[in-house]
Protein backbone atom coordinates (compact mmCIF):
# COMPACT_ATOMS: atom_id res chain seq x y z
CA MET A 1 28.49 -2.80 -16.89
CA TYR A 2 30.78 -5.21 -18.74
CA SER A 3 31.74 -5.62 -22.37
CA LEU A 4 31.08 -8.93 -24.11
CA GLU A 5 34.83 -9.36 -24.55
CA ILE A 6 35.40 -9.18 -20.79
CA LEU A 7 32.57 -11.63 -20.08
CA ALA A 8 33.79 -14.09 -22.72
CA ASP A 9 37.31 -13.91 -21.34
CA ARG A 10 36.07 -14.53 -17.79
CA VAL A 11 34.52 -17.90 -18.81
CA LYS A 12 37.14 -18.73 -21.46
CA GLY A 13 34.44 -18.65 -24.11
CA GLN A 14 34.47 -17.79 -27.81
CA LEU A 15 32.60 -14.65 -28.77
CA VAL A 16 30.51 -15.03 -31.96
CA ASN A 17 28.70 -12.18 -33.76
CA SER A 18 30.41 -9.69 -31.50
CA LYS A 19 28.56 -6.47 -30.78
CA LYS A 20 29.83 -3.29 -29.12
CA ILE A 21 27.39 -3.39 -26.24
CA SER A 22 27.72 -3.27 -22.48
CA ILE A 23 25.94 -5.87 -20.37
CA ARG A 24 24.25 -4.56 -17.21
CA GLY A 25 22.89 -7.82 -15.87
CA LEU A 26 21.62 -11.36 -16.34
CA ALA A 27 18.12 -12.53 -17.22
CA THR A 28 16.13 -15.48 -18.52
CA LEU A 29 15.70 -15.98 -22.25
CA THR A 30 12.09 -14.80 -21.96
CA ASP A 31 12.76 -11.64 -19.96
CA ALA A 32 16.19 -10.53 -21.20
CA GLN A 33 16.63 -7.11 -22.77
CA PRO A 34 19.28 -6.02 -25.34
CA ASP A 35 21.68 -4.98 -22.57
CA GLN A 36 21.40 -8.26 -20.67
CA LEU A 37 23.06 -11.66 -20.95
CA SER A 38 21.14 -14.96 -20.87
CA PHE A 39 22.01 -18.65 -21.16
CA PHE A 40 20.62 -21.76 -22.85
CA ALA A 41 21.07 -24.98 -20.86
CA ASN A 42 17.82 -26.92 -21.39
CA PRO A 43 16.56 -28.15 -24.80
CA LYS A 44 12.92 -27.48 -23.88
CA TYR A 45 13.65 -23.74 -24.07
CA LEU A 46 14.74 -23.83 -27.73
CA LYS A 47 11.79 -21.69 -28.80
CA GLN A 48 12.77 -18.99 -26.29
CA LEU A 49 16.37 -19.14 -27.53
CA LYS A 50 15.25 -18.38 -31.08
CA THR A 51 13.11 -15.41 -30.03
CA THR A 52 15.02 -13.92 -27.11
CA SER A 53 15.86 -10.21 -27.06
CA ALA A 54 19.02 -10.78 -25.01
CA GLY A 55 22.08 -8.90 -26.14
CA ALA A 56 24.06 -12.13 -25.90
CA VAL A 57 23.49 -15.75 -24.93
CA LEU A 58 25.76 -18.38 -23.41
CA VAL A 59 25.44 -21.50 -25.60
CA THR A 60 27.23 -24.70 -26.56
CA PRO A 61 28.87 -24.89 -30.03
CA ASN A 62 26.01 -26.86 -31.60
CA MET A 63 23.44 -24.19 -30.68
CA VAL A 64 25.13 -21.10 -32.11
CA SER A 65 23.08 -21.22 -35.31
CA HIS A 66 19.88 -20.62 -33.31
CA VAL A 67 21.13 -17.38 -31.73
CA LYS A 68 20.11 -14.19 -33.53
CA SER A 69 22.21 -11.95 -31.26
CA ALA A 70 25.77 -12.31 -30.05
CA ALA A 71 26.78 -15.63 -28.52
CA ILE A 72 29.44 -16.66 -26.03
CA VAL A 73 30.27 -20.28 -26.85
CA VAL A 74 31.22 -22.47 -23.89
CA ASP A 75 31.17 -26.15 -22.99
CA ASP A 76 28.68 -25.70 -20.13
CA PRO A 77 26.44 -22.61 -20.30
CA TYR A 78 24.99 -23.16 -16.82
CA VAL A 79 28.42 -23.26 -15.19
CA ALA A 80 29.43 -20.18 -17.19
CA TYR A 81 26.28 -18.41 -16.02
CA ALA A 82 27.13 -19.31 -12.41
CA THR A 83 30.64 -17.92 -12.85
CA LEU A 84 29.43 -14.63 -14.35
CA SER A 85 26.70 -14.18 -11.74
CA GLN A 86 29.44 -13.13 -9.31
CA LEU A 87 29.94 -9.97 -11.34
CA PHE A 88 26.33 -8.88 -10.84
CA ASP A 89 25.91 -9.69 -7.15
CA TRP A 90 23.63 -7.38 -5.14
CA ARG A 91 26.03 -7.24 -2.20
CA MET A 92 28.03 -4.06 -1.69
CA PRO A 93 31.83 -4.26 -1.40
CA ILE A 94 33.30 -4.48 2.09
CA SER A 95 33.62 -1.14 3.85
CA SER A 96 36.17 -1.80 6.57
CA GLY A 97 35.65 -0.62 10.11
CA VAL A 98 33.54 -1.16 13.23
CA HIS A 99 30.22 0.67 13.55
CA SER A 100 29.95 2.92 16.57
CA SER A 101 26.95 0.99 17.93
CA ALA A 102 28.71 -2.39 17.86
CA VAL A 103 29.64 -3.97 21.20
CA VAL A 104 33.03 -5.67 20.95
CA ALA A 105 34.76 -7.36 23.87
CA SER A 106 38.17 -5.96 24.73
CA SER A 107 39.84 -9.33 24.20
CA ALA A 108 38.31 -9.85 20.73
CA THR A 109 40.56 -9.48 17.67
CA ILE A 110 39.13 -7.92 14.52
CA ASP A 111 41.19 -7.58 11.35
CA PRO A 112 41.32 -3.94 10.19
CA THR A 113 39.87 -4.91 6.79
CA ALA A 114 36.74 -6.51 8.29
CA GLU A 115 33.36 -4.71 8.36
CA ILE A 116 31.36 -4.88 11.59
CA CYS A 117 27.88 -3.38 11.11
CA ALA A 118 25.42 -1.69 13.47
CA HIS A 119 24.45 -3.35 16.77
CA VAL A 120 26.74 -6.35 16.32
CA VAL A 121 27.87 -8.06 19.54
CA ILE A 122 31.21 -9.91 19.62
CA GLY A 123 32.28 -11.90 22.67
CA GLU A 124 35.53 -12.41 24.53
CA ASN A 125 38.55 -13.96 22.76
CA THR A 126 36.74 -14.14 19.41
CA VAL A 127 38.78 -13.56 16.23
CA ILE A 128 37.37 -12.07 13.00
CA GLY A 129 39.50 -12.53 9.88
CA ALA A 130 40.46 -10.24 7.01
CA ASN A 131 37.79 -8.94 4.60
CA THR A 132 34.99 -10.56 6.58
CA TYR A 133 31.57 -8.95 6.84
CA ILE A 134 29.41 -9.18 9.96
CA GLY A 135 25.88 -7.89 9.27
CA ALA A 136 23.73 -5.76 11.54
CA ASN A 137 22.32 -7.29 14.76
CA THR A 138 24.49 -10.38 14.47
CA VAL A 139 25.68 -11.86 17.78
CA ILE A 140 28.92 -13.84 18.01
CA GLY A 141 29.75 -15.50 21.33
CA ARG A 142 33.06 -15.92 23.07
CA ASP A 143 35.96 -18.06 21.82
CA CYS A 144 34.77 -18.08 18.21
CA ARG A 145 36.94 -18.00 15.09
CA ILE A 146 35.72 -16.63 11.77
CA GLY A 147 38.11 -16.82 8.83
CA GLN A 148 38.90 -14.56 5.91
CA SER A 149 36.45 -13.25 3.31
CA SER A 150 33.44 -14.74 5.08
CA ARG A 151 30.04 -13.09 5.30
CA LEU A 152 27.46 -13.34 8.06
CA GLU A 153 24.28 -11.55 7.06
CA SER A 154 22.15 -9.59 9.50
CA GLY A 155 20.64 -11.41 12.45
CA VAL A 156 22.89 -14.48 12.53
CA GLN A 157 23.40 -15.99 15.99
CA VAL A 158 26.72 -17.71 16.70
CA TYR A 159 27.07 -19.38 20.09
CA PRO A 160 30.43 -19.70 21.91
CA ASP A 161 33.17 -22.04 20.63
CA VAL A 162 32.14 -22.02 16.97
CA HIS A 163 34.90 -22.02 14.35
CA ILE A 164 34.00 -20.87 10.83
CA GLY A 165 36.44 -21.10 7.91
CA ASP A 166 37.30 -18.85 4.98
CA ARG A 167 34.83 -17.70 2.30
CA VAL A 168 31.80 -18.89 4.25
CA ILE A 169 28.36 -17.31 3.74
CA ILE A 170 25.71 -17.58 6.46
CA HIS A 171 22.30 -16.08 5.74
CA SER A 172 19.97 -14.27 8.11
CA GLY A 173 18.21 -16.07 10.92
CA SER A 174 20.61 -18.98 11.11
CA ILE A 175 21.70 -20.22 14.54
CA ILE A 176 25.05 -21.94 14.88
CA GLY A 177 25.98 -23.77 18.07
CA SER A 178 22.71 -24.02 19.99
CA ASP A 179 22.38 -26.95 22.41
CA GLY A 180 21.83 -30.37 20.95
CA PHE A 181 18.72 -32.30 22.02
CA GLY A 182 20.26 -34.42 24.75
CA PHE A 183 18.49 -35.72 27.85
CA ALA A 184 18.78 -38.70 30.16
CA GLN A 185 15.69 -40.14 31.82
CA GLN A 186 15.47 -40.89 35.54
CA ASN A 187 12.24 -41.72 37.35
CA LYS A 188 10.24 -40.57 34.32
CA GLN A 189 11.93 -37.16 34.46
CA TRP A 190 14.32 -35.70 31.91
CA ILE A 191 17.82 -34.65 33.00
CA LYS A 192 19.55 -32.22 30.64
CA ILE A 193 22.90 -33.25 29.14
CA TYR A 194 24.87 -30.05 28.79
CA GLN A 195 26.47 -29.76 25.37
CA SER A 196 30.14 -28.73 25.36
CA GLY A 197 31.37 -29.82 21.92
CA GLY A 198 31.05 -26.66 19.80
CA VAL A 199 30.74 -26.50 16.00
CA ARG A 200 33.44 -26.58 13.31
CA ILE A 201 32.62 -25.27 9.82
CA GLY A 202 35.15 -25.59 7.00
CA HIS A 203 36.03 -23.34 4.07
CA ASP A 204 33.74 -22.38 1.13
CA VAL A 205 30.56 -23.38 2.95
CA GLU A 206 27.22 -21.66 2.34
CA ILE A 207 24.45 -21.86 4.94
CA GLY A 208 20.94 -20.67 3.99
CA ALA A 209 18.43 -18.67 6.01
CA SER A 210 17.02 -20.06 9.27
CA VAL A 211 19.33 -23.06 9.46
CA THR A 212 20.05 -24.56 12.87
CA ILE A 213 23.31 -26.40 13.55
CA ASP A 214 23.51 -27.79 17.08
CA ARG A 215 26.75 -27.96 19.02
CA GLY A 216 28.19 -31.36 19.86
CA ALA A 217 27.69 -33.06 23.20
CA LEU A 218 31.42 -33.76 23.73
CA SER A 219 33.18 -33.48 20.36
CA PRO A 220 32.12 -30.83 17.81
CA THR A 221 29.47 -31.01 15.14
CA ARG A 222 31.33 -30.75 11.81
CA ILE A 223 30.42 -29.19 8.45
CA GLU A 224 33.30 -29.88 6.09
CA ASN A 225 34.73 -27.87 3.20
CA GLY A 226 32.48 -26.95 0.29
CA VAL A 227 29.18 -27.99 1.88
CA LYS A 228 26.06 -26.13 0.66
CA LEU A 229 23.00 -25.94 2.91
CA ASP A 230 19.62 -24.59 1.76
CA ASN A 231 17.14 -22.79 4.04
CA GLN A 232 15.44 -24.22 7.14
CA ILE A 233 17.64 -27.25 7.72
CA GLN A 234 18.08 -28.86 11.15
CA ILE A 235 21.45 -30.48 11.85
CA ALA A 236 21.59 -32.14 15.26
CA HIS A 237 24.51 -32.56 17.64
CA ASN A 238 27.62 -34.43 16.54
CA VAL A 239 26.49 -34.77 12.93
CA VAL A 240 29.27 -34.75 10.34
CA VAL A 241 28.43 -33.45 6.86
CA GLY A 242 31.12 -34.49 4.39
CA GLU A 243 32.99 -32.36 1.90
CA SER A 244 31.05 -30.90 -1.08
CA THR A 245 27.70 -32.33 0.03
CA ALA A 246 24.58 -30.29 -0.87
CA ILE A 247 21.40 -30.41 1.22
CA ALA A 248 18.07 -28.88 0.13
CA GLY A 249 15.46 -27.10 2.25
CA CYS A 250 13.65 -28.53 5.28
CA VAL A 251 15.93 -31.54 5.70
CA GLY A 252 16.31 -32.86 9.26
CA ILE A 253 19.37 -34.85 10.31
CA SER A 254 19.33 -36.56 13.70
CA GLY A 255 22.25 -36.73 16.10
CA SER A 256 25.58 -38.48 15.51
CA THR A 257 24.84 -39.29 11.87
CA LYS A 258 27.69 -39.05 9.38
CA ILE A 259 26.88 -37.89 5.85
CA GLY A 260 29.58 -38.71 3.30
CA LYS A 261 31.31 -36.58 0.69
CA ARG A 262 29.59 -35.31 -2.48
CA CYS A 263 26.14 -36.44 -1.35
CA THR A 264 22.87 -34.70 -2.19
CA LEU A 265 19.79 -34.72 0.03
CA ALA A 266 16.68 -33.30 -1.64
CA GLY A 267 13.95 -31.31 0.09
CA MET A 268 12.31 -32.62 3.30
CA VAL A 269 14.50 -35.70 3.60
CA GLY A 270 14.58 -37.06 7.14
CA VAL A 271 17.66 -38.89 8.41
CA ALA A 272 17.55 -40.91 11.63
CA GLY A 273 20.35 -40.80 14.19
CA HIS A 274 23.62 -42.75 14.51
CA LEU A 275 23.72 -43.67 10.80
CA GLU A 276 26.44 -43.51 8.16
CA ILE A 277 25.72 -42.43 4.59
CA ALA A 278 28.28 -43.44 1.96
CA ASP A 279 30.09 -40.93 -0.24
CA ASP A 280 28.26 -40.06 -3.50
CA THR A 281 24.84 -41.01 -2.18
CA HIS A 282 21.81 -39.15 -3.58
CA VAL A 283 18.51 -39.16 -1.68
CA THR A 284 15.32 -37.96 -3.39
CA ALA A 285 12.72 -35.61 -1.89
CA MET A 286 10.75 -36.57 1.24
CA THR A 287 12.65 -39.83 1.73
CA LEU A 288 13.02 -41.27 5.23
CA VAL A 289 16.52 -42.66 5.77
CA ASN A 290 16.20 -45.03 8.74
CA LYS A 291 19.23 -47.22 8.18
CA SER A 292 22.83 -46.68 7.08
CA ILE A 293 23.70 -46.61 3.38
CA ASP A 294 27.03 -48.26 2.52
CA THR A 295 26.71 -48.36 -1.27
CA PRO A 296 26.74 -45.14 -3.35
CA GLY A 297 23.72 -44.48 -5.57
CA ALA A 298 20.24 -42.96 -5.60
CA TYR A 299 17.71 -43.82 -2.90
CA SER A 300 14.00 -43.08 -2.44
CA SER A 301 11.10 -43.97 -0.15
CA GLY A 302 7.42 -43.10 0.07
CA THR A 303 4.95 -42.84 -2.79
CA ALA A 304 4.58 -40.23 -5.50
CA LEU A 305 1.52 -38.08 -6.11
CA GLU A 306 -1.58 -39.86 -7.47
CA PRO A 307 -5.35 -39.23 -7.57
CA HIS A 308 -6.89 -39.31 -4.10
CA GLN A 309 -9.26 -42.20 -4.72
CA GLN A 310 -6.43 -44.32 -6.13
CA TRP A 311 -4.29 -43.41 -3.13
CA LYS A 312 -7.04 -44.57 -0.72
CA ARG A 313 -7.33 -47.90 -2.52
CA ASN A 314 -3.56 -48.34 -2.40
CA VAL A 315 -3.52 -47.62 1.34
CA VAL A 316 -6.03 -50.42 1.88
CA ARG A 317 -3.88 -52.80 -0.17
CA PHE A 318 -0.80 -51.76 1.79
CA ARG A 319 -2.52 -52.68 5.06
CA GLN A 320 -3.32 -56.10 3.59
CA LEU A 321 0.28 -56.88 2.58
CA ASP A 322 1.25 -58.61 5.83
CA GLU A 323 -1.73 -60.96 5.75
CA LEU A 324 -1.18 -61.55 2.03
CA ALA A 325 2.46 -62.49 2.68
CA LYS A 326 1.36 -64.96 5.36
CA ARG A 327 -1.19 -66.54 2.99
CA VAL A 328 1.46 -66.95 0.29
CA LYS A 329 3.81 -68.54 2.81
CA ARG A 330 1.10 -70.99 3.90
CA LEU A 331 0.37 -71.91 0.27
CA GLU A 332 4.08 -72.44 -0.42
CA ASN A 333 4.41 -74.66 2.65
CA ALA A 334 1.32 -76.63 1.63
CA GLN A 335 2.71 -77.13 -1.88
CA PHE A 336 6.05 -78.22 -0.43
CA ASP A 337 4.34 -80.77 1.85
CA LYS A 338 2.46 -82.28 -1.12
CA SER A 339 5.66 -82.69 -3.09
């Protein structure tokens, strides 16, 4: 429970129509109760703002007049909401120590402030930093490094030679450092290329549930500082994901591709291998990136939703485009010959 004064101070906001209430949590404008805080960041929810039962609302200065309860006035209510959400996190504080059922190699080093939960396995020469949480049934291979104040939820699998920075969150089911998809062909048979490059993950990275990050073939796969990965993403061997890039669910990135800084890849984007994507590039949902992008901006491919019958007609027209282009070229050549 927090007073409005404490919450306003945390986001450097101005408290208007102050009330002596304690806030127990956050909620939407529609669902909020008198002991909850909400936020207004989208004009289409103006009606809900005027009728909300929230004890207080985060708003911009020009919207204060529409709030019937207390208001915390800030420049960006959504950012303020994100900041305050930390105070109401469901995670329990770290309880330092190693559970009796954990299996820890004798050469591993675990900071005394770290929490190692039930049935965790930690390999030889691995180092776990201060205030780091390792959830139940997580397996960490040999020669790994995990920094300070990081959190690996239950059931994370970390292969050998993976380095993870400070304040990293990895959600359940994710696999870091599995073999990249590398094979050479001889006499119509596949010969496995053993992957020895490892994975390097920077600071302040968040990795969603069931993400797979393959180890590099020779040099490491790299996820740089501040990267945010949604659930069910595949990152192949020797990919580099640049600083502060955000990638949405079900994206697949093929091997040896380099994604720049501050990029966004929306859901189900597919990126071919051995490409380079410029800094500040934004790719919309379900786009196929099959060539490098050297100019920042927004990029799309594919077609948007339309009625089925219209889609079928458009498919027919699409198949006719090549022949149509040839006919136009012939007509242009004929016109040129006449002139």
